Each structure stands twice: as structure tokens, then as C-alpha cells.
Amino acid sequence: MSKEKIKELAGELAEEISKEIKSDVKKLGKKTFNMGGVHPEANKFAHGKSVETFPLPDQAVVYMTQHLGAPAKPVVQVGDKVKVGQLVGEANGFVSANIHAPISGTVTKIDAIADITGYPKPAIVIKREGDEWDESIDTSEDIVHEIKLGKDEIIARMKDRGIVGLGGACFPTHIKYMLKPEQKCEFLIVNAAECEPYISTDNRVVLERTEQCIIGIEIALIASGADQAIIGIEDNKPRAIAKLVEATKGHPKIKVQPLRIKYPQGAEKQLIKAITGRSVPNGALPISVGCIVNNITTMYVLYQAVQKNKPIIQAYTTVSGKSIPADKCKNFRIRLGTPIKDIMDAVGIPEDTGKIIAGGPMMGKAITNLEASAGKGMSSLLFISEAEAKRGPVSNCIRCGKCVEGCPMGLEPYRLHALSEQNRLEDCEQFGIMNCIECGSCQFICPANRPILDNIRVGKNKTGGMIRARAAAAQQK
């Protein structure tokens, strides 16, 4: 694919924006965080492609681990008939989330089944029989404006409908809103930055479901008690910014804030710093500085949960890659549990494919098991060519400091890399390895091609285990 074609595809569809809206946007200015960050190629090939509904799978493998925290506990048995939206997995712990049937049919298996990592995870297999929805769900396209639920009822609905953050981490959303009496949310930060290369689903949700997103934000304002909601969005999405500016007129509590293009602009702490100027202390949560952060697509599914009683039963997924034909780079609405192979067959695997990633190239995970199925957090299916996937030759660290310069958390990645290699976990803890957000900026910018993030991830995992073991031992004394 030529550079000219890539540039053409990466741009927005041409659309007239009124002079008045252009003026309004210009007045807003642009902000960004002030420490670190890098500038990978955007490659937003599917930016101008409307969301398409992917065909229903004949069989869905529904993992009980589609969220951060404890796996959900199956509440159905083999042979049970289920409808779309019916509860099939119940949250099993404080940090956990409900799971609902993405298709209607018969439960044929409950077992540990390998996910995209290749590791067995508890799952329910459903054989599709039609597309019958649970009667409690409003399946109409009518937009419901009036919000009838109060704060506690909204939070309960978030939990009941299995709402999780769709910005990548899939953290159970209701937990963020369960504030202690001494905690107050001043700002609801809505993350529409979508700074990861290739991914375009947030942009499309904003363009195609603008009104529902705004209602979702109003719902979140009630749940949070915040006085102000601020939508942070990178300025490579001019049409989405214009639509949001127009849609928020008459909503004094909702503001749009354009952001400069810089990765990882969408990370919680960086987004808060860019928009409010506040710094979240190491080890603290956003609420410590009066903020709650949620993704814009999470606001859309929140609207569906509260106004339509609809749980998350589908993923918004960008399918893309430099070797994918232009007409095959698309944004899909995919039922959870759809086999990844089905998506690959629909697109066609480029002959030069060297790696397939679930998510973006910076923070996504390489798929090691093509028999796996789609989950709530699968925002992208990215095909990387053999040439791109092949790492450059690793050479000695020359202490150039580029990884330090690029780290948005103010860490010393070269040092953490070395300490992790040497298994010096106490030193890893001392130099802040647990504050790493694993954005990959250090490894991306390293001229020596050193596997900095790879080693830091291993060291971080081991250091976290050491810290937990130490805490457990202290409790036993």
C-alpha cells in the first residue's frame, strides 16, 4: 500500500463543518500532559468507516474473565436454554463483573477453555438457536432522554448489567462510583482521546451515537455527583469534536476539550493532568484528586444499561493493518463469544502476516490462540506484517536517556529493565516499578531495540507478588 493511499485512508471523511462550530472549537484551545510521551504513526485507516454489524456466530464461547478481577461464576447449567442478555455468569467478588448471554440458544458446555493468551479460562459455550432477546431489554432504536433512576439505582444498574471500562482495562465501572463519605468527585473525565494507533471505534461511536453518549454522560454525572464533565479528545478527530461541541450546547455541565496528539494521552493520569492540571500521586487513584475517568464508549453502553436495561453483549472492534485491503479495514459491532477465526475469514489473512494483536500495537496483546473468541475489551484486531513484527537487532544500552525522556510517569525505564533482568525486586520497588503503566513508550523510542517493557512487565509482576506476600505475612503476625 502506497504512502499516499495510507495518508488518504488515515484521514477523516470530507464533511462540511459550519464556520460557527469551527470558531467554537478553535476557542477551546488544545491541551496535553507535560511529561514524556511519544508520537507513533496514527494509521487510522478505518476512521471514516461506519460501524457494521458482524454476522452472528453459530456458537459462542463466553469467557467468565472479560474484566479485571475475579472470574464470574456460571449460573447456568449444560442443557439450559438462554436468551440474549440473560445473566449467565455472576460477579464473584468485590472486583468482578456480571456476564450475559450474547446469543440465544442452548448451553452445551461449561469448562476451562483457552483464551487469546492460550491459557485455559472458565467459559460457557452456547449453541445459537435464533436471536431471541430477554423480555426486560428495550431493543428499539428510540432514544430515551428522560433519566428516571437516581444515583444509587444507577450504580446498581451498572453492576447488574456488567458494565466495564472499554478503554482497555475492563475495570468494573460501578466500583469507581462507590465513593467513601470523605471522597468527592469534582470532575467526570470522559476519555475520547483514542490515542492508540489504528483503533477507530471510539471515534465512530461518537459520530454515530452522539446523543446517546451525551445522555450516558448525564447519567454518569448523577452517579458521580460531579459538577462538571469534560470530554477529552485528540484533535485528529475534527468531525467528532465538531459533533460533540454542537451536541453539548444546552448542557452547561458538559464541556469538550480538544487535546494535542501525543501517546499515551488516553492514560488516566495523563488525561487528568492534561485537562485539569492535577497530578495523581503515585499509588493513588484518580478520585484522590477529585476525578473519575471513563471511556466514551463506556458512556454509550451506560446509556444502554440505564435507559434500555441492556448489558454488554457485543464488542466494538476495529479490524485493520497496513497489508489489509482498504475495503477490508472496518469497524465492527461483534457479539461477544464470536470466534476470532470467523473475523479473520471475513477479512482474509494477508500472506505477509507475522502477528495478530488484540488491541493496539502499543498496549495490545499478541494472539497466541486463534481458536479463542472475542471478549468485552477487544477494541481492535490488528494484522501486523512479518517485517513489522520482526524486532530489530538488540544492542547495548548507550545511556542516551530517550526512554527516560519518553516515560510519561517520570520513571527510569533503562534502570528498571536492568533491575528486572537481575531479579533485584527490592530495588525494582524502590525505583517505582509498580507505577509503570506499561504504555510501551520506552521500548518504542529505544534506538538500541532493547526489550525494555518486556522485562519491566516481568519485574513488575514479580515485585507485585513480593509486595503481596509481604503484606500477607505481616497480617499473620
Foldseek 3Di string as FASTA:
>chain_A
DDPVVLVVLQAEDDDDFDPVLVVVQVVQDAWFFDFFFDFDDQSQNAQHFAAAADDAAQKFKAFQPLAPDDGFQAPDDFFDWFAAQAFGTAFDDPWGATDTALATATFHDWDFDQALVRGTGTIIMGGHDDHGHDPLFDPDPDQDQDFDDAQVVLLVLLRVQGQAFQPFRRTSPSVLLPDDPVFAAAEEEAELAPQFHHFNQSLNCLVPVVLLLVSLVVSVCRNRVYQAYEYEYEPSNVVSQSSNVVNCVVPVRYYYHYYHRTPPRRDPQRVCCGPPVDGADQPGDPSVVNYDYGYSVSSNQSSSSRVGVGHPQWEWEFEDEPQFPSVLGHTYTGGWRAQLVSNCVVRPADPQFDWWWQDGPQPTHTGPDSRHTDHHRRSYTYTYGPVRPDFDAADDQPPPCSLCRNQRQNARLVVLLVCLVVLVLVVNVVRPLLRHPSRNRSCVRGPRNDPSSVSSVNSNVVSVVVVVVVVVVVVVD
